[in-house]
PDB file of N, CA and C in Angstrom:
ATOM      1  N   UNK A   1     -24.958 -68.061 -21.236  1.00  0.00           N
ATOM      2  CA  UNK A   1     -25.242 -66.614 -20.603  1.00  0.00           C
ATOM      3  C   UNK A   1     -24.447 -65.057 -20.574  1.00  0.00           C
ATOM      4  N   UNK A   2     -23.785 -65.440 -21.641  1.00  0.00           N
ATOM      5  CA  UNK A   2     -22.484 -64.576 -22.162  1.00  0.00           C
ATOM      6  C   UNK A   2     -23.117 -63.355 -23.185  1.00  0.00           C
ATOM      7  N   UNK A   3     -24.017 -64.012 -23.425  1.00  0.00           N
ATOM      8  CA  UNK A   3     -24.485 -63.793 -24.526  1.00  0.00           C
ATOM      9  C   UNK A   3     -24.792 -61.769 -24.124  1.00  0.00           C
ATOM     10  N   UNK A   4     -24.955 -60.779 -24.817  1.00  0.00           N
ATOM     11  CA  UNK A   4     -25.367 -59.397 -24.488  1.00  0.00           C
ATOM     12  C   UNK A   4     -26.846 -59.621 -24.777  1.00  0.00           C
ATOM     13  N   UNK A   5     -27.357 -60.256 -25.592  1.00  0.00           N
ATOM     14  CA  UNK A   5     -29.290 -61.097 -25.064  1.00  0.00           C
ATOM     15  C   UNK A   5     -29.344 -61.890 -25.607  1.00  0.00           C
ATOM     16  N   UNK A   6     -30.059 -62.589 -24.953  1.00  0.00           N
ATOM     17  CA  UNK A   6     -30.181 -64.033 -25.496  1.00  0.00           C
ATOM     18  C   UNK A   6     -31.545 -64.084 -26.192  1.00  0.00           C
ATOM     19  N   UNK A   7     -32.279 -63.323 -26.046  1.00  0.00           N
ATOM     20  CA  UNK A   7     -33.441 -63.628 -27.703  1.00  0.00           C
ATOM     21  C   UNK A   7     -33.180 -62.260 -28.444  1.00  0.00           C
ATOM     22  N   UNK A   8     -32.394 -62.138 -29.587  1.00  0.00           N
ATOM     23  CA  UNK A   8     -32.218 -60.918 -30.458  1.00  0.00           C
ATOM     24  C   UNK A   8     -33.346 -60.215 -30.778  1.00  0.00           C
ATOM     25  N   UNK A   9     -34.524 -60.871 -30.786  1.00  0.00           N
ATOM     26  CA  UNK A   9     -35.655 -59.873 -30.962  1.00  0.00           C
ATOM     27  C   UNK A   9     -36.052 -59.163 -29.759  1.00  0.00           C
ATOM     28  N   UNK A  10     -35.903 -59.081 -28.866  1.00  0.00           N
ATOM     29  CA  UNK A  10     -36.876 -58.481 -27.853  1.00  0.00           C
ATOM     30  C   UNK A  10     -35.726 -56.928 -27.357  1.00  0.00           C
ATOM     31  N   UNK A  11     -36.759 -56.709 -27.012  1.00  0.00           N
ATOM     32  CA  UNK A  11     -36.885 -54.991 -26.841  1.00  0.00           C
ATOM     33  C   UNK A  11     -37.244 -54.308 -25.595  1.00  0.00           C
ATOM     34  N   UNK A  12     -36.740 -53.341 -25.085  1.00  0.00           N
ATOM     35  CA  UNK A  12     -36.488 -52.621 -24.245  1.00  0.00           C
ATOM     36  C   UNK A  12     -38.317 -51.993 -23.654  1.00  0.00           C
ATOM     37  N   UNK A  13     -38.252 -52.070 -22.970  1.00  0.00           N
ATOM     38  CA  UNK A  13     -39.976 -50.811 -22.008  1.00  0.00           C
ATOM     39  C   UNK A  13     -39.150 -49.840 -22.392  1.00  0.00           C
ATOM     40  N   UNK A  14     -39.984 -48.759 -22.821  1.00  0.00           N
ATOM     41  CA  UNK A  14     -39.255 -47.793 -23.334  1.00  0.00           C
ATOM     42  C   UNK A  14     -40.670 -46.651 -22.039  1.00  0.00           C
ATOM     43  N   UNK A  15     -40.978 -47.746 -21.378  1.00  0.00           N
ATOM     44  CA  UNK A  15     -42.377 -46.721 -20.384  1.00  0.00           C
ATOM     45  C   UNK A  15     -41.039 -45.888 -19.205  1.00  0.00           C
ATOM     46  N   UNK A  16     -40.638 -46.618 -18.485  1.00  0.00           N
ATOM     47  CA  UNK A  16     -40.012 -45.681 -17.802  1.00  0.00           C
ATOM     48  C   UNK A  16     -37.915 -45.714 -17.616  1.00  0.00           C
ATOM     49  N   UNK A  17     -37.862 -45.434 -18.662  1.00  0.00           N
ATOM     50  CA  UNK A  17     -36.905 -45.554 -19.319  1.00  0.00           C
ATOM     51  C   UNK A  17     -35.584 -44.963 -18.501  1.00  0.00           C
ATOM     52  N   UNK A  18     -36.314 -43.685 -17.899  1.00  0.00           N
ATOM     53  CA  UNK A  18     -35.696 -42.971 -16.901  1.00  0.00           C
ATOM     54  C   UNK A  18     -35.709 -43.265 -15.618  1.00  0.00           C
ATOM     55  N   UNK A  19     -36.192 -43.872 -15.110  1.00  0.00           N
ATOM     56  CA  UNK A  19     -35.794 -45.059 -14.114  1.00  0.00           C
ATOM     57  C   UNK A  19     -34.916 -45.540 -13.447  1.00  0.00           C
ATOM     58  N   UNK A  20     -34.303 -46.138 -12.433  1.00  0.00           N
ATOM     59  CA  UNK A  20     -32.991 -46.393 -11.950  1.00  0.00           C
ATOM     60  C   UNK A  20     -33.385 -48.150 -12.036  1.00  0.00           C
ATOM     61  N   UNK A  21     -34.753 -48.026 -12.079  1.00  0.00           N
ATOM     62  CA  UNK A  21     -35.014 -49.617 -11.847  1.00  0.00           C
ATOM     63  C   UNK A  21     -35.670 -50.135 -12.515  1.00  0.00           C
ATOM     64  N   UNK A  22     -35.456 -51.168 -13.478  1.00  0.00           N
ATOM     65  CA  UNK A  22     -35.835 -52.111 -13.760  1.00  0.00           C
ATOM     66  C   UNK A  22     -36.672 -53.160 -13.586  1.00  0.00           C
ATOM     67  N   UNK A  23     -36.778 -53.461 -12.697  1.00  0.00           N
ATOM     68  CA  UNK A  23     -38.357 -54.228 -11.615  1.00  0.00           C
ATOM     69  C   UNK A  23     -38.335 -53.679 -10.761  1.00  0.00           C
ATOM     70  N   UNK A  24     -39.823 -53.364 -10.432  1.00  0.00           N
ATOM     71  CA  UNK A  24     -40.207 -53.044  -9.192  1.00  0.00           C
ATOM     72  C   UNK A  24     -41.840 -53.362  -8.413  1.00  0.00           C
ATOM     73  N   UNK A  25     -41.803 -54.214  -7.452  1.00  0.00           N
ATOM     74  CA  UNK A  25     -42.730 -55.088  -6.873  1.00  0.00           C
ATOM     75  C   UNK A  25     -42.873 -54.288  -5.647  1.00  0.00           C
ATOM     76  N   UNK A  26     -43.817 -53.950  -5.301  1.00  0.00           N
ATOM     77  CA  UNK A  26     -44.586 -53.444  -3.934  1.00  0.00           C
ATOM     78  C   UNK A  26     -46.000 -54.067  -3.371  1.00  0.00           C
ATOM     79  N   UNK A  27     -45.579 -54.582  -2.613  1.00  0.00           N
ATOM     80  CA  UNK A  27     -46.495 -55.029  -1.590  1.00  0.00           C
ATOM     81  C   UNK A  27     -47.689 -56.700  -3.025  1.00  0.00           C
ATOM     82  N   UNK A  28     -46.522 -56.769  -3.432  1.00  0.00           N
ATOM     83  CA  UNK A  28     -46.751 -58.291  -4.586  1.00  0.00           C
ATOM     84  C   UNK A  28     -46.943 -59.876  -3.640  1.00  0.00           C
ATOM     85  N   UNK A  29     -48.688 -60.184  -4.327  1.00  0.00           N
ATOM     86  CA  UNK A  29     -49.087 -61.678  -4.108  1.00  0.00           C
ATOM     87  C   UNK A  29     -49.477 -62.122  -5.444  1.00  0.00           C
ATOM     88  N   UNK A  30     -49.069 -63.422  -4.956  1.00  0.00           N
ATOM     89  CA  UNK A  30     -48.995 -64.527  -6.537  1.00  0.00           C
ATOM     90  C   UNK A  30     -48.801 -65.890  -6.127  1.00  0.00           C
ATOM     91  N   UNK A  31     -49.744 -66.453  -7.832  1.00  0.00           N
ATOM     92  CA  UNK A  31     -50.417 -67.900  -6.961  1.00  0.00           C
ATOM     93  C   UNK A  31     -49.257 -68.149  -8.439  1.00  0.00           C
ATOM     94  N   UNK A  32     -49.966 -70.093  -8.057  1.00  0.00           N
ATOM     95  CA  UNK A  32     -50.033 -70.721  -9.660  1.00  0.00           C
ATOM     96  C   UNK A  32     -50.811 -70.316 -10.988  1.00  0.00           C
ATOM     97  N   UNK A  33     -52.187 -70.363 -10.124  1.00  0.00           N
ATOM     98  CA  UNK A  33     -53.424 -69.763 -11.198  1.00  0.00           C
ATOM     99  C   UNK A  33     -53.864 -69.416 -10.920  1.00  0.00           C
ATOM    100  N   UNK A  34     -53.189 -68.054 -11.162  1.00  0.00           N
ATOM    101  CA  UNK A  34     -53.840 -66.246 -11.076  1.00  0.00           C
ATOM    102  C   UNK A  34     -54.822 -66.220 -11.344  1.00  0.00           C
ATOM    103  N   UNK A  35     -55.593 -66.770 -12.820  1.00  0.00           N
ATOM    104  CA  UNK A  35     -57.097 -67.051 -13.143  1.00  0.00           C
ATOM    105  C   UNK A  35     -58.046 -67.668 -12.251  1.00  0.00           C
ATOM    106  N   UNK A  36     -57.631 -68.278 -11.565  1.00  0.00           N
ATOM    107  CA  UNK A  36     -58.736 -69.038 -10.115  1.00  0.00           C
ATOM    108  C   UNK A  36     -58.680 -68.073  -8.640  1.00  0.00           C
ATOM    109  N   UNK A  37     -59.589 -67.627  -8.069  1.00  0.00           N
ATOM    110  CA  UNK A  37     -59.346 -66.568  -7.460  1.00  0.00           C
ATOM    111  C   UNK A  37     -59.756 -67.282  -5.849  1.00  0.00           C
ATOM    112  N   UNK A  38     -59.806 -68.314  -6.062  1.00  0.00           N
ATOM    113  CA  UNK A  38     -60.634 -69.015  -4.678  1.00  0.00           C
ATOM    114  C   UNK A  38     -58.578 -69.970  -4.142  1.00  0.00           C
ATOM    115  N   UNK A  39     -57.769 -70.035  -5.255  1.00  0.00           N
ATOM    116  CA  UNK A  39     -56.274 -70.313  -4.652  1.00  0.00           C
ATOM    117  C   UNK A  39     -55.562 -69.203  -3.597  1.00  0.00           C
ATOM    118  N   UNK A  40     -55.233 -69.742  -2.425  1.00  0.00           N
ATOM    119  CA  UNK A  40     -54.551 -69.221  -1.938  1.00  0.00           C
ATOM    120  C   UNK A  40     -52.931 -68.489  -2.609  1.00  0.00           C
ATOM    121  N   UNK A  41     -52.592 -66.784  -1.897  1.00  0.00           N
ATOM    122  CA  UNK A  41     -51.342 -66.877  -3.021  1.00  0.00           C
ATOM    123  C   UNK A  41     -50.127 -67.635  -2.747  1.00  0.00           C
ATOM    124  N   UNK A  42     -49.381 -67.690  -3.658  1.00  0.00           N
ATOM    125  CA  UNK A  42     -48.042 -68.875  -2.747  1.00  0.00           C
ATOM    126  C   UNK A  42     -47.077 -67.453  -2.190  1.00  0.00           C
ATOM    127  N   UNK A  43     -47.023 -66.836  -2.284  1.00  0.00           N
ATOM    128  CA  UNK A  43     -46.099 -65.489  -2.091  1.00  0.00           C
ATOM    129  C   UNK A  43     -47.001 -64.599  -1.221  1.00  0.00           C
ATOM    130  N   UNK A  44     -46.612 -64.083  -0.450  1.00  0.00           N
ATOM    131  CA  UNK A  44     -47.332 -62.433  -0.417  1.00  0.00           C
ATOM    132  C   UNK A  44     -47.028 -61.821   0.136  1.00  0.00           C
ATOM    133  N   UNK A  45     -46.993 -60.029   0.112  1.00  0.00           N
ATOM    134  CA  UNK A  45     -46.363 -59.234   0.552  1.00  0.00           C
ATOM    135  C   UNK A  45     -44.881 -59.241   0.279  1.00  0.00           C
ATOM    136  N   UNK A  46     -44.775 -59.382  -1.170  1.00  0.00           N
ATOM    137  CA  UNK A  46     -43.372 -59.365  -2.161  1.00  0.00           C
ATOM    138  C   UNK A  46     -43.001 -57.738  -2.616  1.00  0.00           C
ATOM    139  N   UNK A  47     -42.224 -57.206  -1.971  1.00  0.00           N
ATOM    140  CA  UNK A  47     -41.319 -56.175  -2.211  1.00  0.00           C
ATOM    141  C   UNK A  47     -40.014 -55.797  -3.032  1.00  0.00           C
ATOM    142  N   UNK A  48     -39.782 -56.148  -3.946  1.00  0.00           N
ATOM    143  CA  UNK A  48     -38.088 -55.969  -4.709  1.00  0.00           C
ATOM    144  C   UNK A  48     -38.323 -55.124  -5.579  1.00  0.00           C
ATOM    145  N   UNK A  49     -36.938 -54.164  -5.493  1.00  0.00           N
ATOM    146  CA  UNK A  49     -36.496 -53.368  -6.538  1.00  0.00           C
ATOM    147  C   UNK A  49     -35.249 -53.968  -7.236  1.00  0.00           C
ATOM    148  N   UNK A  50     -35.183 -54.059  -8.616  1.00  0.00           N
ATOM    149  CA  UNK A  50     -33.913 -54.464  -9.317  1.00  0.00           C
ATOM    150  C   UNK A  50     -33.298 -53.969  -9.940  1.00  0.00           C
ATOM    151  N   UNK A  51     -32.254 -53.090  -9.637  1.00  0.00           N
ATOM    152  CA  UNK A  51     -31.698 -51.568 -10.592  1.00  0.00           C
ATOM    153  C   UNK A  51     -31.514 -52.459 -12.462  1.00  0.00           C
ATOM    154  N   UNK A  52     -31.347 -51.738 -12.987  1.00  0.00           N
ATOM    155  CA  UNK A  52     -30.840 -51.736 -14.522  1.00  0.00           C
ATOM    156  C   UNK A  52     -29.506 -52.495 -14.179  1.00  0.00           C
ATOM    157  N   UNK A  53     -29.467 -53.204 -15.050  1.00  0.00           N
ATOM    158  CA  UNK A  53     -28.545 -53.962 -15.588  1.00  0.00           C
ATOM    159  C   UNK A  53     -27.599 -54.738 -13.708  1.00  0.00           C
ATOM    160  N   UNK A  54     -28.258 -54.710 -13.237  1.00  0.00           N
ATOM    161  CA  UNK A  54     -28.283 -55.377 -11.865  1.00  0.00           C
ATOM    162  C   UNK A  54     -28.023 -56.999 -12.001  1.00  0.00           C
ATOM    163  N   UNK A  55     -27.198 -58.185 -11.885  1.00  0.00           N
ATOM    164  CA  UNK A  55     -27.290 -59.282 -11.705  1.00  0.00           C
ATOM    165  C   UNK A  55     -28.153 -59.952 -10.308  1.00  0.00           C
ATOM    166  N   UNK A  56     -29.209 -60.850 -10.125  1.00  0.00           N
ATOM    167  CA  UNK A  56     -29.700 -61.121  -9.049  1.00  0.00           C
ATOM    168  C   UNK A  56     -30.184 -62.833  -8.828  1.00  0.00           C
ATOM    169  N   UNK A  57     -29.963 -63.127  -8.148  1.00  0.00           N
ATOM    170  CA  UNK A  57     -30.270 -64.596  -7.986  1.00  0.00           C
ATOM    171  C   UNK A  57     -31.065 -65.215  -6.790  1.00  0.00           C
ATOM    172  N   UNK A  58     -32.038 -65.702  -7.259  1.00  0.00           N
ATOM    173  CA  UNK A  58     -33.783 -66.054  -6.169  1.00  0.00           C
ATOM    174  C   UNK A  58     -32.836 -67.317  -5.621  1.00  0.00           C
ATOM    175  N   UNK A  59     -32.176 -67.764  -4.665  1.00  0.00           N
ATOM    176  CA  UNK A  59     -32.273 -69.005  -3.791  1.00  0.00           C
ATOM    177  C   UNK A  59     -33.348 -68.779  -2.615  1.00  0.00           C
ATOM    178  N   UNK A  60     -33.977 -70.280  -2.506  1.00  0.00           N
ATOM    179  CA  UNK A  60     -34.240 -71.037  -1.616  1.00  0.00           C
ATOM    180  C   UNK A  60     -34.512 -72.188  -1.920  1.00  0.00           C
ATOM    181  N   UNK A  61     -35.150 -72.784  -0.864  1.00  0.00           N
ATOM    182  CA  UNK A  61     -35.718 -74.150  -0.869  1.00  0.00           C
ATOM    183  C   UNK A  61     -36.650 -74.880  -1.773  1.00  0.00           C
ATOM    184  N   UNK A  62     -36.552 -75.957  -2.402  1.00  0.00           N
ATOM    185  CA  UNK A  62     -37.865 -76.515  -2.998  1.00  0.00           C
ATOM    186  C   UNK A  62     -39.583 -76.397  -2.836  1.00  0.00           C
ATOM    187  N   UNK A  63     -40.036 -75.660  -3.282  1.00  0.00           N
ATOM    188  CA  UNK A  63     -41.153 -75.324  -2.711  1.00  0.00           C
ATOM    189  C   UNK A  63     -41.382 -74.124  -2.312  1.00  0.00           C
ATOM    190  N   UNK A  64     -40.449 -73.274  -2.094  1.00  0.00           N
ATOM    191  CA  UNK A  64     -40.285 -72.193  -1.473  1.00  0.00           C
ATOM    192  C   UNK A  64     -40.737 -70.456  -2.388  1.00  0.00           C
ATOM    193  N   UNK A  65     -41.622 -71.271  -3.312  1.00  0.00           N
ATOM    194  CA  UNK A  65     -41.772 -69.781  -4.222  1.00  0.00           C
ATOM    195  C   UNK A  65     -40.701 -69.209  -5.508  1.00  0.00           C
ATOM    196  N   UNK A  66     -39.863 -69.960  -5.638  1.00  0.00           N
ATOM    197  CA  UNK A  66     -38.594 -69.199  -6.790  1.00  0.00           C
ATOM    198  C   UNK A  66     -39.595 -69.302  -7.802  1.00  0.00           C
ATOM    199  N   UNK A  67     -39.574 -70.510  -8.011  1.00  0.00           N
ATOM    200  CA  UNK A  67     -40.320 -70.264  -9.971  1.00  0.00           C
ATOM    201  C   UNK A  67     -41.581 -69.050  -9.726  1.00  0.00           C
ATOM    202  N   UNK A  68     -42.604 -68.994  -9.048  1.00  0.00           N
ATOM    203  CA  UNK A  68     -43.419 -68.716  -8.964  1.00  0.00           C
ATOM    204  C   UNK A  68     -42.931 -66.522  -9.330  1.00  0.00           C
ATOM    205  N   UNK A  69     -42.462 -66.415  -8.115  1.00  0.00           N
ATOM    206  CA  UNK A  69     -41.695 -65.173  -7.761  1.00  0.00           C
ATOM    207  C   UNK A  69     -41.367 -65.061  -9.324  1.00  0.00           C
ATOM    208  N   UNK A  70     -40.180 -65.484 -10.661  1.00  0.00           N
ATOM    209  CA  UNK A  70     -39.250 -65.579 -11.526  1.00  0.00           C
ATOM    210  C   UNK A  70     -40.261 -65.435 -12.415  1.00  0.00           C
ATOM    211  N   UNK A  71     -41.978 -66.025 -12.993  1.00  0.00           N
ATOM    212  CA  UNK A  71     -42.885 -66.264 -13.852  1.00  0.00           C
ATOM    213  C   UNK A  71     -43.738 -65.230 -13.633  1.00  0.00           C
ATOM    214  N   UNK A  72     -43.224 -64.646 -12.542  1.00  0.00           N
ATOM    215  CA  UNK A  72     -44.445 -63.369 -12.474  1.00  0.00           C
ATOM    216  C   UNK A  72     -44.016 -61.944 -12.891  1.00  0.00           C
ATOM    217  N   UNK A  73     -42.446 -61.515 -12.760  1.00  0.00           N
ATOM    218  CA  UNK A  73     -42.165 -61.509 -12.958  1.00  0.00           C
ATOM    219  C   UNK A  73     -42.395 -60.735 -14.959  1.00  0.00           C
TER     220      UNK A  73
END
């Protein structure tokens, strides 16, 4: 994790490069199977703002939705 980029081919999204936030989620809902609308969301009402260059840890109990949250980003 000390490498400047894990994937040297990765490009930064230039869409909102002037924003101080790298990631913004407002009132998000996430499921394990987004293509199946009959499955209830695992996470609902998610609000998240991560500033550029900020290190963030996602911590929680088994089954609390950590992987769903990270996969959705």
